[in-house]
Protein backbone atom coordinates (compact mmCIF):
# COMPACT_ATOMS: atom_id res chain seq x y z
CA VAL A 1 -0.03 0.11 -0.15
CA LEU A 2 1.00 3.79 -1.21
CA THR A 3 1.11 5.52 2.16
CA GLU A 4 3.52 8.34 1.45
CA ILE A 5 3.94 10.20 -2.16
CA PRO A 6 7.31 9.73 -3.72
CA GLU A 7 9.38 12.74 -3.90
CA ARG A 8 10.11 14.30 -7.73
CA GLU A 9 12.31 16.59 -8.63
CA PRO A 10 10.52 19.50 -10.07
CA LEU A 11 10.08 20.20 -13.85
CA VAL A 12 11.37 23.48 -13.29
CA GLN A 13 14.87 23.83 -11.30
CA ASP A 14 14.08 27.16 -9.61
CA LYS A 15 11.79 26.12 -6.62
CA GLU A 16 10.09 30.13 -6.59
CA ILE A 17 9.35 29.66 -10.69
CA TYR A 18 7.96 26.02 -9.88
CA ARG A 19 5.90 27.31 -7.00
CA LYS A 20 4.30 30.43 -8.89
CA SER A 21 3.51 28.47 -12.15
CA LEU A 22 1.54 25.83 -9.73
CA ASN A 23 -0.39 28.37 -8.05
CA LYS A 24 -1.16 30.20 -11.16
CA ALA A 25 -2.54 27.09 -12.45
CA ARG A 26 -4.48 26.28 -9.76
CA GLN A 27 -6.10 29.88 -9.78
CA MET A 28 -6.75 29.51 -13.04
CA LEU A 29 -8.31 26.15 -12.71
CA HIS A 30 -10.36 27.46 -9.89
CA GLU A 31 -11.55 30.32 -11.95
CA LYS A 32 -12.48 28.42 -14.39
CA ARG A 33 -14.45 25.88 -12.30
CA LEU A 34 -16.90 28.70 -10.72
CA LEU A 35 -18.11 29.31 -13.96
CA ARG A 36 -19.78 25.74 -14.33
CA PRO A 37 -22.80 24.86 -12.81
CA ARG A 38 -23.20 23.69 -9.27
CA PRO A 39 -24.02 20.42 -9.00
CA SER A 40 -27.47 19.24 -7.61
CA LEU A 41 -27.65 18.46 -4.11
CA ASP A 42 -29.19 14.74 -3.67
CA ASP A 43 -30.08 15.17 0.09
CA LYS A 44 -33.09 12.39 0.50
CA ILE A 45 -33.17 10.17 3.20
CA LEU A 46 -33.12 6.51 2.31
CA THR A 47 -34.61 3.94 4.97
CA SER A 48 -32.36 1.45 4.15
CA SER A 49 -28.98 3.37 4.68
CA ASN A 50 -30.60 4.21 8.15
CA GLY A 51 -31.25 0.67 8.76
CA LEU A 52 -27.63 -0.06 8.13
CA MET A 53 -26.10 3.12 10.02
CA ILE A 54 -28.62 1.85 13.00
CA SER A 55 -27.12 -2.04 13.24
CA GLY A 56 -23.64 -0.53 12.65
CA PHE A 57 -24.24 1.34 15.67
CA CYS A 58 -25.95 -1.36 17.49
CA SER A 59 -22.94 -3.65 16.92
CA ALA A 60 -20.07 -1.34 17.47
CA GLY A 61 -21.70 0.35 20.80
CA CYS A 62 -22.03 -3.28 21.87
CA ALA A 63 -18.84 -4.66 21.15
CA LEU A 64 -17.25 -1.49 22.32
CA ASN A 65 -18.98 -1.19 25.45
CA LYS A 66 -19.89 2.88 23.94
CA PRO A 67 -23.29 3.71 25.29
CA ASP A 68 -23.10 6.83 23.28
CA PHE A 69 -23.08 4.39 20.15
CA ILE A 70 -26.33 2.81 21.83
CA ARG A 71 -27.89 6.03 22.58
CA THR A 72 -27.51 7.27 18.62
CA ALA A 73 -28.91 3.94 16.75
CA ILE A 74 -32.19 4.73 19.40
CA ARG A 75 -32.28 8.22 18.52
CA ALA A 76 -31.81 6.74 14.39
CA ALA A 77 -34.54 4.90 14.98
CA ASP A 78 -36.67 6.78 16.47
CA PHE A 79 -36.11 9.20 13.49
CA VAL A 80 -36.95 6.09 11.15
CA CYS A 81 -40.04 5.83 12.99
CA ASP A 82 -41.26 9.10 12.92
CA TYR A 83 -40.26 10.37 9.35
CA LEU A 84 -40.22 7.33 7.51
CA VAL A 85 -43.57 4.94 8.58
CA HIS A 86 -46.23 5.77 6.66
CA LYS A 87 -48.67 6.94 8.92
CA GLN A 88 -51.86 5.40 7.87
CA SER A 89 -50.98 1.74 6.93
CA GLY A 90 -47.72 1.82 9.62
CA LYS A 91 -44.99 0.47 6.33
CA LEU A 92 -41.67 1.60 6.14
CA LEU A 93 -40.93 4.03 3.38
CA ARG A 94 -38.49 4.18 1.21
CA SER A 95 -36.77 7.07 1.10
CA CYS A 96 -37.59 10.57 2.41
CA TYR A 97 -36.63 14.47 0.64
CA GLY A 98 -38.27 17.34 2.57
CA ALA A 99 -41.85 16.93 2.88
CA SER A 100 -42.57 14.59 0.40
CA CYS A 101 -41.57 10.83 0.88
CA HIS A 102 -41.61 7.81 -1.74
CA GLY A 103 -42.27 4.16 -2.11
CA LEU A 104 -42.86 1.33 0.26
CA GLU A 105 -39.69 -0.03 1.62
CA GLN A 106 -39.00 -4.04 0.46
CA LEU A 107 -35.15 -4.44 1.92
CA GLU A 108 -34.46 -6.48 4.69
CA GLN A 109 -31.51 -3.69 6.14
CA PRO A 110 -34.18 -1.10 8.08
CA ILE A 111 -35.87 -4.16 10.04
CA LEU A 112 -32.19 -5.70 10.84
CA GLY A 113 -31.58 -2.24 12.18
CA PHE A 114 -34.41 -2.17 14.77
CA ILE A 115 -33.82 -6.12 15.33
CA ASP A 116 -30.16 -5.61 16.23
């Protein structure tokens, strides 16, 4: 495994010219990047990811004797119950984004998180 970047001789022997050239190139790239449209933000909440996280915090909390991990899992489970369960049917939703929630969840990850 490569843990350190190997040292290389600069392309230009004068270190000051080399440093200034790199800084100028970085600045040019940064200015061009600012002209590009910003990517969309994907901040929907997935029930399956929450289930995996709950399970992981439960397992780690038990294995490492970390009660704060267990409390985190409980808070996350409360969130799932409050926001990712269909109020009328009691079924798990697949995802939630702001005020809109989508689809029914068919995967086992959310349930395993509650079992753990």
